[in-house]
Amino acid sequence: MSYDFDKTHELILKSAMKNFTSVGFRNASIRNICRDAGVTNGAFYAHFKSKDDLFAALVSDKLQVFNETYQDLSKMNIRSANDVMRVFESSYGSIETLIHYIYTEKEIFRLILESSDGSSFAGFVDDLIDEECSNTMKFLEGSRRFIKHPENISYRIIRIGSAMVINYALDAFLNGVSEDDNIRETKLASDFCIAGYRKIFGI
């Protein structure tokens, strides 16, 4: 791969970051991105298939690391009700690692959360909540024998807790709450959810 190709690639990415951040994905144009990068539209298509492909080039690697942080609850070895609560606490406890990563890569996550409307990443928050709910439901279904009230297992109930914790952490991030305060307060929201699950499910 030539130096010129690499340089052009980086110029387009840098321009895209500036344009997407400034006007959002929907309003950003390939023409303006190319103009600000000092390259032709033809050069753009030698590097990226589309505007969405360009947005993906900016965020995909960071999102992959973020997604890999999640535990697969369905693979946990559960032998008692105490193990059920331990997994809940471990799962919610991992939010600290996620929050730290968001603050470490804050430019990228602001881009995803504030400027992705119209892109294939616009559903990031809902997808994140859905993934957390799906994993939790699989875990609960596999732990029924240790739960006193398995009839209360509900995707809707789980989604309330997951959405509350995830939305709080992301909203605090976007509104300038410090990383330490975000972790502390999100941990309180997690503790609230865990106590609720203990009561509802009879764990």
N, C-alpha and C. Protein backbone atom coordinates (compact mmCIF):
# COMPACT_ATOMS: atom_id res chain seq x y z
N MET A 1 0.85 -1.19 0.00
CA MET A 1 0.00 0.00 0.00
C MET A 1 0.89 1.24 0.00
N SER A 2 0.63 2.17 -0.88
CA SER A 2 1.50 3.33 -1.03
C SER A 2 1.27 4.35 0.07
N TYR A 3 2.30 5.18 0.24
CA TYR A 3 2.20 6.26 1.23
C TYR A 3 1.06 7.19 0.88
N ASP A 4 0.91 7.53 -0.41
CA ASP A 4 -0.13 8.44 -0.84
C ASP A 4 -1.52 7.89 -0.52
N PHE A 5 -1.70 6.59 -0.71
CA PHE A 5 -2.98 5.97 -0.40
C PHE A 5 -3.27 6.11 1.09
N ASP A 6 -2.28 5.80 1.91
CA ASP A 6 -2.46 5.90 3.36
C ASP A 6 -2.73 7.34 3.78
N LYS A 7 -2.02 8.27 3.21
CA LYS A 7 -2.20 9.68 3.55
C LYS A 7 -3.60 10.16 3.17
N THR A 8 -4.04 9.78 1.97
CA THR A 8 -5.38 10.17 1.52
C THR A 8 -6.45 9.56 2.42
N HIS A 9 -6.24 8.32 2.80
CA HIS A 9 -7.18 7.62 3.69
C HIS A 9 -7.33 8.38 5.00
N GLU A 10 -6.20 8.77 5.58
CA GLU A 10 -6.23 9.48 6.85
C GLU A 10 -6.84 10.87 6.71
N LEU A 11 -6.60 11.54 5.60
CA LEU A 11 -7.18 12.86 5.36
C LEU A 11 -8.71 12.77 5.29
N ILE A 12 -9.20 11.74 4.62
CA ILE A 12 -10.65 11.56 4.52
C ILE A 12 -11.25 11.26 5.89
N LEU A 13 -10.60 10.40 6.65
CA LEU A 13 -11.10 10.07 7.99
C LEU A 13 -11.12 11.30 8.89
N LYS A 14 -10.07 12.09 8.83
CA LYS A 14 -9.99 13.30 9.65
C LYS A 14 -11.08 14.29 9.27
N SER A 15 -11.29 14.46 7.98
CA SER A 15 -12.33 15.36 7.50
C SER A 15 -13.71 14.85 7.88
N ALA A 16 -13.90 13.55 7.76
CA ALA A 16 -15.19 12.95 8.11
C ALA A 16 -15.51 13.16 9.58
N MET A 17 -14.52 12.97 10.44
CA MET A 17 -14.73 13.17 11.87
C MET A 17 -15.19 14.60 12.13
N LYS A 18 -14.55 15.55 11.50
CA LYS A 18 -14.89 16.96 11.66
C LYS A 18 -16.30 17.24 11.15
N ASN A 19 -16.63 16.74 9.97
CA ASN A 19 -17.94 17.01 9.36
C ASN A 19 -19.07 16.30 10.11
N PHE A 20 -18.88 15.05 10.45
CA PHE A 20 -19.92 14.31 11.18
C PHE A 20 -20.18 14.94 12.54
N THR A 21 -19.12 15.35 13.20
CA THR A 21 -19.27 15.97 14.52
C THR A 21 -19.98 17.31 14.41
N SER A 22 -19.67 18.03 13.37
CA SER A 22 -20.22 19.37 13.20
C SER A 22 -21.70 19.38 12.80
N VAL A 23 -22.06 18.56 11.81
CA VAL A 23 -23.43 18.62 11.27
C VAL A 23 -24.20 17.31 11.38
N GLY A 24 -23.56 16.26 11.88
CA GLY A 24 -24.22 14.97 11.99
C GLY A 24 -24.09 14.17 10.71
N PHE A 25 -24.27 12.86 10.83
CA PHE A 25 -24.13 11.98 9.68
C PHE A 25 -25.12 12.33 8.58
N ARG A 26 -26.37 12.57 8.95
CA ARG A 26 -27.42 12.78 7.96
C ARG A 26 -27.13 14.00 7.10
N ASN A 27 -26.62 15.07 7.72
CA ASN A 27 -26.41 16.31 7.00
C ASN A 27 -25.02 16.44 6.37
N ALA A 28 -24.12 15.58 6.75
CA ALA A 28 -22.78 15.63 6.15
C ALA A 28 -22.84 15.10 4.72
N SER A 29 -22.07 15.69 3.84
CA SER A 29 -22.05 15.24 2.44
C SER A 29 -20.66 14.76 2.07
N ILE A 30 -20.62 13.79 1.18
CA ILE A 30 -19.34 13.28 0.69
C ILE A 30 -18.58 14.41 -0.01
N ARG A 31 -19.33 15.24 -0.71
CA ARG A 31 -18.70 16.36 -1.42
C ARG A 31 -17.93 17.26 -0.46
N ASN A 32 -18.57 17.64 0.65
CA ASN A 32 -17.91 18.53 1.61
C ASN A 32 -16.77 17.83 2.34
N ILE A 33 -16.96 16.55 2.63
CA ILE A 33 -15.89 15.80 3.29
C ILE A 33 -14.66 15.76 2.39
N CYS A 34 -14.88 15.50 1.10
CA CYS A 34 -13.77 15.46 0.14
C CYS A 34 -13.13 16.83 -0.03
N ARG A 35 -13.96 17.86 -0.09
CA ARG A 35 -13.44 19.22 -0.24
C ARG A 35 -12.53 19.58 0.93
N ASP A 36 -13.00 19.31 2.15
CA ASP A 36 -12.20 19.64 3.33
C ASP A 36 -10.94 18.78 3.44
N ALA A 37 -11.00 17.57 2.87
CA ALA A 37 -9.84 16.68 2.90
C ALA A 37 -8.86 17.00 1.77
N GLY A 38 -9.33 17.80 0.79
CA GLY A 38 -8.48 18.15 -0.35
C GLY A 38 -8.31 17.01 -1.32
N VAL A 39 -9.36 16.18 -1.45
CA VAL A 39 -9.32 15.05 -2.38
C VAL A 39 -10.55 15.09 -3.27
N THR A 40 -10.53 14.32 -4.35
CA THR A 40 -11.66 14.28 -5.26
C THR A 40 -12.69 13.25 -4.79
N ASN A 41 -13.91 13.39 -5.30
CA ASN A 41 -14.94 12.38 -5.00
C ASN A 41 -14.52 11.00 -5.51
N GLY A 42 -13.82 10.98 -6.63
CA GLY A 42 -13.34 9.72 -7.17
C GLY A 42 -12.36 9.05 -6.22
N ALA A 43 -11.51 9.85 -5.60
CA ALA A 43 -10.55 9.31 -4.63
C ALA A 43 -11.29 8.72 -3.43
N PHE A 44 -12.38 9.36 -3.05
CA PHE A 44 -13.17 8.85 -1.91
C PHE A 44 -13.59 7.41 -2.15
N TYR A 45 -14.12 7.14 -3.34
CA TYR A 45 -14.66 5.81 -3.62
C TYR A 45 -13.57 4.76 -3.85
N ALA A 46 -12.32 5.20 -3.89
CA ALA A 46 -11.22 4.24 -3.91
C ALA A 46 -10.93 3.73 -2.50
N HIS A 47 -11.52 4.43 -1.51
CA HIS A 47 -11.26 4.09 -0.10
C HIS A 47 -12.50 3.58 0.63
N PHE A 48 -13.66 4.11 0.27
CA PHE A 48 -14.89 3.78 1.00
C PHE A 48 -16.04 3.56 0.01
N LYS A 49 -16.92 2.62 0.37
CA LYS A 49 -18.04 2.30 -0.51
C LYS A 49 -19.15 3.35 -0.44
N SER A 50 -19.28 3.97 0.72
CA SER A 50 -20.39 4.89 0.94
C SER A 50 -20.09 5.76 2.15
N LYS A 51 -20.98 6.71 2.41
CA LYS A 51 -20.85 7.54 3.62
C LYS A 51 -20.97 6.69 4.87
N ASP A 52 -21.85 5.70 4.82
CA ASP A 52 -22.03 4.83 5.98
C ASP A 52 -20.78 3.98 6.22
N ASP A 53 -20.16 3.53 5.16
CA ASP A 53 -18.92 2.77 5.26
C ASP A 53 -17.82 3.63 5.89
N LEU A 54 -17.82 4.91 5.56
CA LEU A 54 -16.86 5.85 6.14
C LEU A 54 -17.10 6.02 7.64
N PHE A 55 -18.37 6.16 8.03
CA PHE A 55 -18.70 6.29 9.45
C PHE A 55 -18.26 5.03 10.20
N ALA A 56 -18.50 3.89 9.58
CA ALA A 56 -18.10 2.62 10.19
C ALA A 56 -16.59 2.55 10.39
N ALA A 57 -15.85 3.08 9.46
CA ALA A 57 -14.39 3.07 9.57
C ALA A 57 -13.92 3.86 10.79
N LEU A 58 -14.69 4.86 11.17
CA LEU A 58 -14.34 5.67 12.33
C LEU A 58 -14.67 4.98 13.65
N VAL A 59 -15.76 4.23 13.68
CA VAL A 59 -16.27 3.75 14.97
C VAL A 59 -16.20 2.24 15.20
N SER A 60 -16.10 1.44 14.16
CA SER A 60 -16.27 -0.01 14.30
C SER A 60 -15.25 -0.66 15.23
N ASP A 61 -13.99 -0.30 15.12
CA ASP A 61 -12.97 -0.93 15.96
C ASP A 61 -13.22 -0.65 17.44
N LYS A 62 -13.60 0.58 17.76
CA LYS A 62 -13.87 0.94 19.15
C LYS A 62 -15.11 0.22 19.66
N LEU A 63 -16.12 0.10 18.82
CA LEU A 63 -17.33 -0.60 19.23
C LEU A 63 -17.08 -2.08 19.44
N GLN A 64 -16.20 -2.66 18.66
CA GLN A 64 -15.89 -4.08 18.82
C GLN A 64 -15.27 -4.33 20.19
N VAL A 65 -14.36 -3.48 20.60
CA VAL A 65 -13.75 -3.60 21.93
C VAL A 65 -14.80 -3.42 23.01
N PHE A 66 -15.67 -2.44 22.81
CA PHE A 66 -16.75 -2.18 23.77
C PHE A 66 -17.65 -3.41 23.92
N ASN A 67 -18.07 -3.97 22.80
CA ASN A 67 -18.99 -5.11 22.83
C ASN A 67 -18.35 -6.35 23.45
N GLU A 68 -17.06 -6.51 23.26
CA GLU A 68 -16.37 -7.67 23.82
C GLU A 68 -16.28 -7.63 25.34
N THR A 69 -16.57 -6.46 25.92
CA THR A 69 -16.52 -6.32 27.38
C THR A 69 -17.67 -7.06 28.05
N TYR A 70 -18.77 -7.20 27.31
CA TYR A 70 -19.93 -7.86 27.90
C TYR A 70 -19.67 -9.33 28.20
N GLN A 71 -20.17 -9.77 29.31
CA GLN A 71 -20.09 -11.19 29.65
C GLN A 71 -21.26 -11.93 29.01
N ASP A 72 -21.01 -13.17 28.66
CA ASP A 72 -22.08 -14.03 28.16
C ASP A 72 -22.68 -14.76 29.35
N LEU A 73 -23.78 -14.23 29.88
CA LEU A 73 -24.38 -14.78 31.10
C LEU A 73 -24.85 -16.21 30.91
N SER A 74 -25.24 -16.56 29.70
CA SER A 74 -25.78 -17.91 29.47
C SER A 74 -24.73 -19.00 29.68
N LYS A 75 -23.46 -18.65 29.73
CA LYS A 75 -22.40 -19.63 29.90
C LYS A 75 -21.94 -19.76 31.34
N MET A 76 -22.55 -18.99 32.25
CA MET A 76 -22.16 -19.05 33.64
C MET A 76 -22.60 -20.38 34.27
N ASN A 77 -21.77 -20.91 35.15
CA ASN A 77 -22.08 -22.16 35.84
C ASN A 77 -22.78 -21.83 37.16
N ILE A 78 -24.09 -22.09 37.22
CA ILE A 78 -24.89 -21.71 38.37
C ILE A 78 -25.25 -22.96 39.18
N ARG A 79 -24.91 -22.94 40.46
CA ARG A 79 -25.20 -24.08 41.33
C ARG A 79 -26.10 -23.71 42.50
N SER A 80 -26.36 -22.41 42.70
CA SER A 80 -27.18 -21.99 43.84
C SER A 80 -27.76 -20.61 43.59
N ALA A 81 -28.71 -20.21 44.47
CA ALA A 81 -29.29 -18.87 44.38
C ALA A 81 -28.21 -17.81 44.59
N ASN A 82 -27.24 -18.12 45.45
CA ASN A 82 -26.15 -17.17 45.68
C ASN A 82 -25.35 -16.93 44.40
N ASP A 83 -25.20 -17.99 43.59
CA ASP A 83 -24.51 -17.84 42.31
C ASP A 83 -25.29 -16.92 41.38
N VAL A 84 -26.62 -17.01 41.43
CA VAL A 84 -27.46 -16.15 40.60
C VAL A 84 -27.19 -14.69 40.92
N MET A 85 -27.19 -14.36 42.22
CA MET A 85 -26.95 -12.98 42.63
C MET A 85 -25.51 -12.55 42.31
N ARG A 86 -24.59 -13.49 42.45
CA ARG A 86 -23.20 -13.17 42.15
C ARG A 86 -23.04 -12.76 40.69
N VAL A 87 -23.75 -13.48 39.80
CA VAL A 87 -23.65 -13.15 38.38
C VAL A 87 -24.30 -11.80 38.10
N PHE A 88 -25.45 -11.52 38.73
CA PHE A 88 -26.07 -10.21 38.57
C PHE A 88 -25.11 -9.11 38.99
N GLU A 89 -24.50 -9.29 40.14
CA GLU A 89 -23.59 -8.27 40.66
C GLU A 89 -22.36 -8.11 39.76
N SER A 90 -21.86 -9.23 39.25
CA SER A 90 -20.71 -9.18 38.36
C SER A 90 -21.06 -8.48 37.05
N SER A 91 -22.25 -8.79 36.53
CA SER A 91 -22.69 -8.19 35.27
C SER A 91 -22.84 -6.69 35.40
N TYR A 92 -23.55 -6.27 36.44
CA TYR A 92 -23.74 -4.83 36.64
C TYR A 92 -22.43 -4.16 37.03
N GLY A 93 -21.57 -4.92 37.71
CA GLY A 93 -20.28 -4.36 38.09
C GLY A 93 -19.40 -4.05 36.90
N SER A 94 -19.61 -4.77 35.79
CA SER A 94 -18.79 -4.54 34.60
C SER A 94 -19.05 -3.18 33.98
N ILE A 95 -20.11 -2.51 34.43
CA ILE A 95 -20.42 -1.18 33.89
C ILE A 95 -19.28 -0.21 34.14
N GLU A 96 -18.51 -0.42 35.23
CA GLU A 96 -17.37 0.46 35.51
C GLU A 96 -16.34 0.39 34.39
N THR A 97 -16.08 -0.82 33.91
CA THR A 97 -15.14 -1.00 32.81
C THR A 97 -15.65 -0.34 31.54
N LEU A 98 -16.95 -0.47 31.30
CA LEU A 98 -17.55 0.14 30.11
C LEU A 98 -17.50 1.65 30.17
N ILE A 99 -17.83 2.20 31.33
CA ILE A 99 -17.80 3.66 31.49
C ILE A 99 -16.38 4.17 31.29
N HIS A 100 -15.41 3.48 31.87
CA HIS A 100 -14.02 3.91 31.71
C HIS A 100 -13.62 3.91 30.23
N TYR A 101 -14.05 2.90 29.50
CA TYR A 101 -13.70 2.83 28.08
C TYR A 101 -14.37 3.96 27.30
N ILE A 102 -15.62 4.27 27.64
CA ILE A 102 -16.32 5.37 26.96
C ILE A 102 -15.58 6.68 27.17
N TYR A 103 -15.12 6.94 28.38
CA TYR A 103 -14.40 8.18 28.66
C TYR A 103 -13.03 8.17 27.99
N THR A 104 -12.42 7.01 27.88
CA THR A 104 -11.12 6.91 27.21
C THR A 104 -11.26 7.22 25.72
N GLU A 105 -12.37 6.78 25.12
CA GLU A 105 -12.63 6.99 23.69
C GLU A 105 -13.80 7.97 23.53
N LYS A 106 -13.78 9.04 24.29
CA LYS A 106 -14.94 9.94 24.36
C LYS A 106 -15.29 10.59 23.02
N GLU A 107 -14.30 10.89 22.20
CA GLU A 107 -14.59 11.52 20.91
C GLU A 107 -15.43 10.60 20.03
N ILE A 108 -15.07 9.32 20.02
CA ILE A 108 -15.79 8.35 19.20
C ILE A 108 -17.19 8.11 19.75
N PHE A 109 -17.33 8.00 21.06
CA PHE A 109 -18.65 7.73 21.62
C PHE A 109 -19.57 8.94 21.56
N ARG A 110 -19.02 10.14 21.61
CA ARG A 110 -19.86 11.32 21.36
C ARG A 110 -20.35 11.30 19.92
N LEU A 111 -19.49 10.90 19.02
CA LEU A 111 -19.87 10.80 17.61
C LEU A 111 -21.03 9.81 17.44
N ILE A 112 -20.92 8.65 18.06
CA ILE A 112 -21.96 7.63 17.94
C ILE A 112 -23.27 8.11 18.57
N LEU A 113 -23.17 8.69 19.76
CA LEU A 113 -24.37 9.04 20.52
C LEU A 113 -25.04 10.32 20.03
N GLU A 114 -24.26 11.23 19.47
CA GLU A 114 -24.82 12.53 19.09
C GLU A 114 -24.95 12.75 17.59
N SER A 115 -24.20 12.02 16.79
CA SER A 115 -24.11 12.36 15.36
C SER A 115 -24.40 11.21 14.41
N SER A 116 -24.91 10.08 14.92
CA SER A 116 -25.06 8.90 14.05
C SER A 116 -26.44 8.77 13.41
N ASP A 117 -27.35 9.69 13.69
CA ASP A 117 -28.71 9.60 13.12
C ASP A 117 -28.64 9.49 11.60
N GLY A 118 -29.30 8.49 11.06
CA GLY A 118 -29.28 8.26 9.62
C GLY A 118 -28.27 7.22 9.19
N SER A 119 -27.37 6.85 10.10
CA SER A 119 -26.36 5.83 9.79
C SER A 119 -26.82 4.48 10.32
N SER A 120 -26.09 3.43 9.99
CA SER A 120 -26.43 2.10 10.49
C SER A 120 -26.09 1.94 11.97
N PHE A 121 -25.52 2.98 12.57
CA PHE A 121 -25.18 2.94 13.99
C PHE A 121 -26.14 3.76 14.84
N ALA A 122 -27.20 4.24 14.23
CA ALA A 122 -28.15 5.11 14.93
C ALA A 122 -28.84 4.38 16.08
N GLY A 123 -28.97 3.06 15.98
CA GLY A 123 -29.66 2.30 17.03
C GLY A 123 -28.73 1.75 18.10
N PHE A 124 -27.56 2.35 18.25
CA PHE A 124 -26.56 1.83 19.17
C PHE A 124 -27.11 1.61 20.58
N VAL A 125 -27.80 2.59 21.13
CA VAL A 125 -28.27 2.48 22.52
C VAL A 125 -29.33 1.40 22.64
N ASP A 126 -30.31 1.41 21.76
CA ASP A 126 -31.36 0.37 21.80
C ASP A 126 -30.77 -1.01 21.58
N ASP A 127 -29.82 -1.13 20.68
CA ASP A 127 -29.18 -2.43 20.43
C ASP A 127 -28.43 -2.90 21.67
N LEU A 128 -27.78 -1.97 22.34
CA LEU A 128 -27.04 -2.30 23.55
C LEU A 128 -27.97 -2.80 24.65
N ILE A 129 -29.09 -2.11 24.82
CA ILE A 129 -30.08 -2.53 25.82
C ILE A 129 -30.67 -3.88 25.45
N ASP A 130 -30.98 -4.07 24.17
CA ASP A 130 -31.54 -5.36 23.72
C ASP A 130 -30.56 -6.50 23.97
N GLU A 131 -29.28 -6.26 23.71
CA GLU A 131 -28.28 -7.31 23.91
C GLU A 131 -28.18 -7.66 25.40
N GLU A 132 -28.18 -6.65 26.25
CA GLU A 132 -28.11 -6.90 27.69
C GLU A 132 -29.34 -7.67 28.16
N CYS A 133 -30.51 -7.28 27.67
CA CYS A 133 -31.75 -7.97 28.05
C CYS A 133 -31.75 -9.42 27.57
N SER A 134 -31.33 -9.64 26.35
CA SER A 134 -31.30 -10.99 25.79
C SER A 134 -30.38 -11.90 26.60
N ASN A 135 -29.18 -11.40 26.93
CA ASN A 135 -28.24 -12.19 27.72
C ASN A 135 -28.79 -12.49 29.11
N THR A 136 -29.44 -11.48 29.71
CA THR A 136 -29.99 -11.66 31.05
C THR A 136 -31.14 -12.66 31.05
N MET A 137 -31.99 -12.59 30.03
CA MET A 137 -33.11 -13.53 29.93
C MET A 137 -32.61 -14.96 29.77
N LYS A 138 -31.60 -15.17 28.95
CA LYS A 138 -31.02 -16.51 28.77
C LYS A 138 -30.49 -17.02 30.11
N PHE A 139 -29.81 -16.14 30.82
CA PHE A 139 -29.26 -16.52 32.12
C PHE A 139 -30.37 -16.88 33.10
N LEU A 140 -31.43 -16.08 33.16
CA LEU A 140 -32.53 -16.35 34.09
C LEU A 140 -33.27 -17.63 33.74
N GLU A 141 -33.49 -17.85 32.46
CA GLU A 141 -34.18 -19.07 32.04
C GLU A 141 -33.37 -20.31 32.44
N GLY A 142 -32.05 -20.20 32.42
CA GLY A 142 -31.21 -21.31 32.81
C GLY A 142 -31.04 -21.44 34.32
N SER A 143 -31.58 -20.49 35.07
CA SER A 143 -31.44 -20.48 36.53
C SER A 143 -32.78 -20.63 37.24
N ARG A 144 -33.80 -21.04 36.53
CA ARG A 144 -35.16 -21.09 37.09
C ARG A 144 -35.24 -21.90 38.38
N ARG A 145 -34.49 -22.99 38.45
CA ARG A 145 -34.63 -23.87 39.62
C ARG A 145 -34.14 -23.21 40.91
N PHE A 146 -33.40 -22.11 40.79
CA PHE A 146 -32.90 -21.43 41.98
C PHE A 146 -33.70 -20.16 42.29
N ILE A 147 -34.76 -19.92 41.53
CA ILE A 147 -35.57 -18.71 41.68
C ILE A 147 -36.94 -19.08 42.25
N LYS A 148 -37.34 -18.42 43.30
CA LYS A 148 -38.61 -18.75 43.97
C LYS A 148 -39.82 -18.32 43.15
N HIS A 149 -39.68 -17.27 42.38
CA HIS A 149 -40.81 -16.75 41.60
C HIS A 149 -40.44 -16.64 40.11
N PRO A 150 -40.19 -17.78 39.47
CA PRO A 150 -39.79 -17.74 38.05
C PRO A 150 -40.90 -17.19 37.15
N GLU A 151 -42.15 -17.22 37.64
CA GLU A 151 -43.25 -16.67 36.84
C GLU A 151 -43.11 -15.16 36.62
N ASN A 152 -42.26 -14.53 37.44
CA ASN A 152 -42.05 -13.09 37.31
C ASN A 152 -40.95 -12.72 36.31
N ILE A 153 -40.29 -13.73 35.76
CA ILE A 153 -39.27 -13.45 34.75
C ILE A 153 -39.95 -12.85 33.52
N SER A 154 -39.55 -11.66 33.16
CA SER A 154 -40.19 -10.94 32.06
C SER A 154 -39.17 -10.08 31.34
N TYR A 155 -39.19 -10.16 30.02
CA TYR A 155 -38.29 -9.32 29.22
C TYR A 155 -38.54 -7.85 29.51
N ARG A 156 -39.80 -7.49 29.70
CA ARG A 156 -40.13 -6.08 29.94
C ARG A 156 -39.55 -5.59 31.27
N ILE A 157 -39.63 -6.44 32.29
CA ILE A 157 -39.08 -6.06 33.59
C ILE A 157 -37.56 -5.91 33.50
N ILE A 158 -36.92 -6.89 32.86
CA ILE A 158 -35.47 -6.83 32.70
C ILE A 158 -35.07 -5.60 31.91
N ARG A 159 -35.85 -5.25 30.90
CA ARG A 159 -35.50 -4.10 30.06
C ARG A 159 -35.56 -2.80 30.86
N ILE A 160 -36.49 -2.70 31.79
CA ILE A 160 -36.59 -1.49 32.62
C ILE A 160 -35.27 -1.26 33.36
N GLY A 161 -34.76 -2.33 34.00
CA GLY A 161 -33.51 -2.20 34.73
C GLY A 161 -32.33 -1.93 33.83
N SER A 162 -32.23 -2.67 32.74
CA SER A 162 -31.11 -2.48 31.82
C SER A 162 -31.11 -1.08 31.22
N ALA A 163 -32.29 -0.63 30.79
CA ALA A 163 -32.39 0.70 30.17
C ALA A 163 -32.04 1.78 31.16
N MET A 164 -32.48 1.62 32.41
CA MET A 164 -32.20 2.64 33.41
C MET A 164 -30.69 2.81 33.62
N VAL A 165 -30.00 1.70 33.80
CA VAL A 165 -28.56 1.77 34.08
C VAL A 165 -27.78 2.27 32.86
N ILE A 166 -28.07 1.70 31.69
CA ILE A 166 -27.34 2.09 30.48
C ILE A 166 -27.62 3.54 30.11
N ASN A 167 -28.89 3.93 30.12
CA ASN A 167 -29.23 5.31 29.76
C ASN A 167 -28.66 6.31 30.75
N TYR A 168 -28.64 5.94 32.03
CA TYR A 168 -28.05 6.86 33.01
C TYR A 168 -26.58 7.09 32.72
N ALA A 169 -25.84 6.00 32.52
CA ALA A 169 -24.40 6.13 32.29
C ALA A 169 -24.10 6.95 31.05
N LEU A 170 -24.84 6.72 29.97
CA LEU A 170 -24.59 7.44 28.72
C LEU A 170 -25.04 8.89 28.81
N ASP A 171 -26.17 9.13 29.47
CA ASP A 171 -26.65 10.51 29.63
C ASP A 171 -25.68 11.31 30.49
N ALA A 172 -25.18 10.70 31.56
CA ALA A 172 -24.22 11.39 32.42
C ALA A 172 -22.96 11.74 31.64
N PHE A 173 -22.50 10.81 30.81
CA PHE A 173 -21.33 11.05 29.96
C PHE A 173 -21.55 12.24 29.04
N LEU A 174 -22.69 12.26 28.37
CA LEU A 174 -22.98 13.33 27.41
C LEU A 174 -23.16 14.68 28.09
N ASN A 175 -23.56 14.66 29.35
CA ASN A 175 -23.82 15.92 30.06
C ASN A 175 -22.66 16.38 30.93
N GLY A 176 -21.49 15.81 30.69
CA GLY A 176 -20.29 16.32 31.33
C GLY A 176 -20.02 15.86 32.74
N VAL A 177 -20.75 14.84 33.20
CA VAL A 177 -20.47 14.28 34.52
C VAL A 177 -19.10 13.62 34.49
N SER A 178 -18.31 13.82 35.54
CA SER A 178 -16.97 13.23 35.55
C SER A 178 -17.04 11.71 35.53
N GLU A 179 -15.96 11.09 35.10
CA GLU A 179 -15.94 9.62 35.04
C GLU A 179 -16.17 9.01 36.42
N ASP A 180 -15.49 9.55 37.43
CA ASP A 180 -15.63 8.99 38.78
C ASP A 180 -17.06 9.12 39.30
N ASP A 181 -17.68 10.28 39.08
CA ASP A 181 -19.06 10.48 39.54
C ASP A 181 -20.02 9.60 38.75
N ASN A 182 -19.76 9.44 37.47
CA ASN A 182 -20.61 8.59 36.64
C ASN A 182 -20.55 7.15 37.15
N ILE A 183 -19.35 6.65 37.41
CA ILE A 183 -19.20 5.29 37.91
C ILE A 183 -19.91 5.13 39.25
N ARG A 184 -19.72 6.09 40.14
CA ARG A 184 -20.33 6.00 41.47
C ARG A 184 -21.85 6.01 41.40
N GLU A 185 -22.41 6.92 40.63
CA GLU A 185 -23.86 7.04 40.57
C GLU A 185 -24.50 5.91 39.77
N THR A 186 -23.82 5.45 38.73
CA THR A 186 -24.35 4.31 37.97
C THR A 186 -24.31 3.05 38.82
N LYS A 187 -23.31 2.93 39.68
CA LYS A 187 -23.25 1.80 40.61
C LYS A 187 -24.45 1.84 41.56
N LEU A 188 -24.86 3.02 41.99
CA LEU A 188 -26.05 3.13 42.85
C LEU A 188 -27.30 2.68 42.08
N ALA A 189 -27.39 3.08 40.81
CA ALA A 189 -28.53 2.65 39.99
C ALA A 189 -28.51 1.12 39.81
N SER A 190 -27.31 0.55 39.66
CA SER A 190 -27.18 -0.90 39.53
C SER A 190 -27.62 -1.60 40.81
N ASP A 191 -27.19 -1.07 41.96
CA ASP A 191 -27.58 -1.66 43.25
C ASP A 191 -29.09 -1.63 43.42
N PHE A 192 -29.71 -0.55 42.96
CA PHE A 192 -31.16 -0.42 43.01
C PHE A 192 -31.84 -1.53 42.21
N CYS A 193 -31.31 -1.78 41.01
CA CYS A 193 -31.87 -2.82 40.15
C CYS A 193 -31.67 -4.21 40.75
N ILE A 194 -30.49 -4.47 41.27
CA ILE A 194 -30.20 -5.78 41.85
C ILE A 194 -31.12 -6.07 43.03
N ALA A 195 -31.34 -5.06 43.88
CA ALA A 195 -32.25 -5.23 45.02
C ALA A 195 -33.66 -5.52 44.53
N GLY A 196 -34.06 -4.86 43.45
CA GLY A 196 -35.39 -5.09 42.89
C GLY A 196 -35.53 -6.50 42.32
N TYR A 197 -34.51 -6.96 41.61
CA TYR A 197 -34.56 -8.31 41.06
C TYR A 197 -34.62 -9.35 42.17
N ARG A 198 -33.86 -9.13 43.23
CA ARG A 198 -33.86 -10.05 44.35
C ARG A 198 -35.29 -10.20 44.92
N LYS A 199 -35.99 -9.07 45.05
CA LYS A 199 -37.34 -9.07 45.59
C LYS A 199 -38.33 -9.70 44.62
N ILE A 200 -38.27 -9.29 43.36
CA ILE A 200 -39.24 -9.75 42.36
C ILE A 200 -39.12 -11.25 42.08
N PHE A 201 -37.90 -11.72 41.94
CA PHE A 201 -37.68 -13.12 41.58
C PHE A 201 -37.57 -14.05 42.79
N GLY A 202 -37.40 -13.46 43.97
CA GLY A 202 -37.26 -14.30 45.15
C GLY A 202 -35.95 -15.05 45.16
N ILE A 203 -34.85 -14.32 44.99
CA ILE A 203 -33.53 -14.92 44.94
C ILE A 203 -32.86 -14.75 46.31
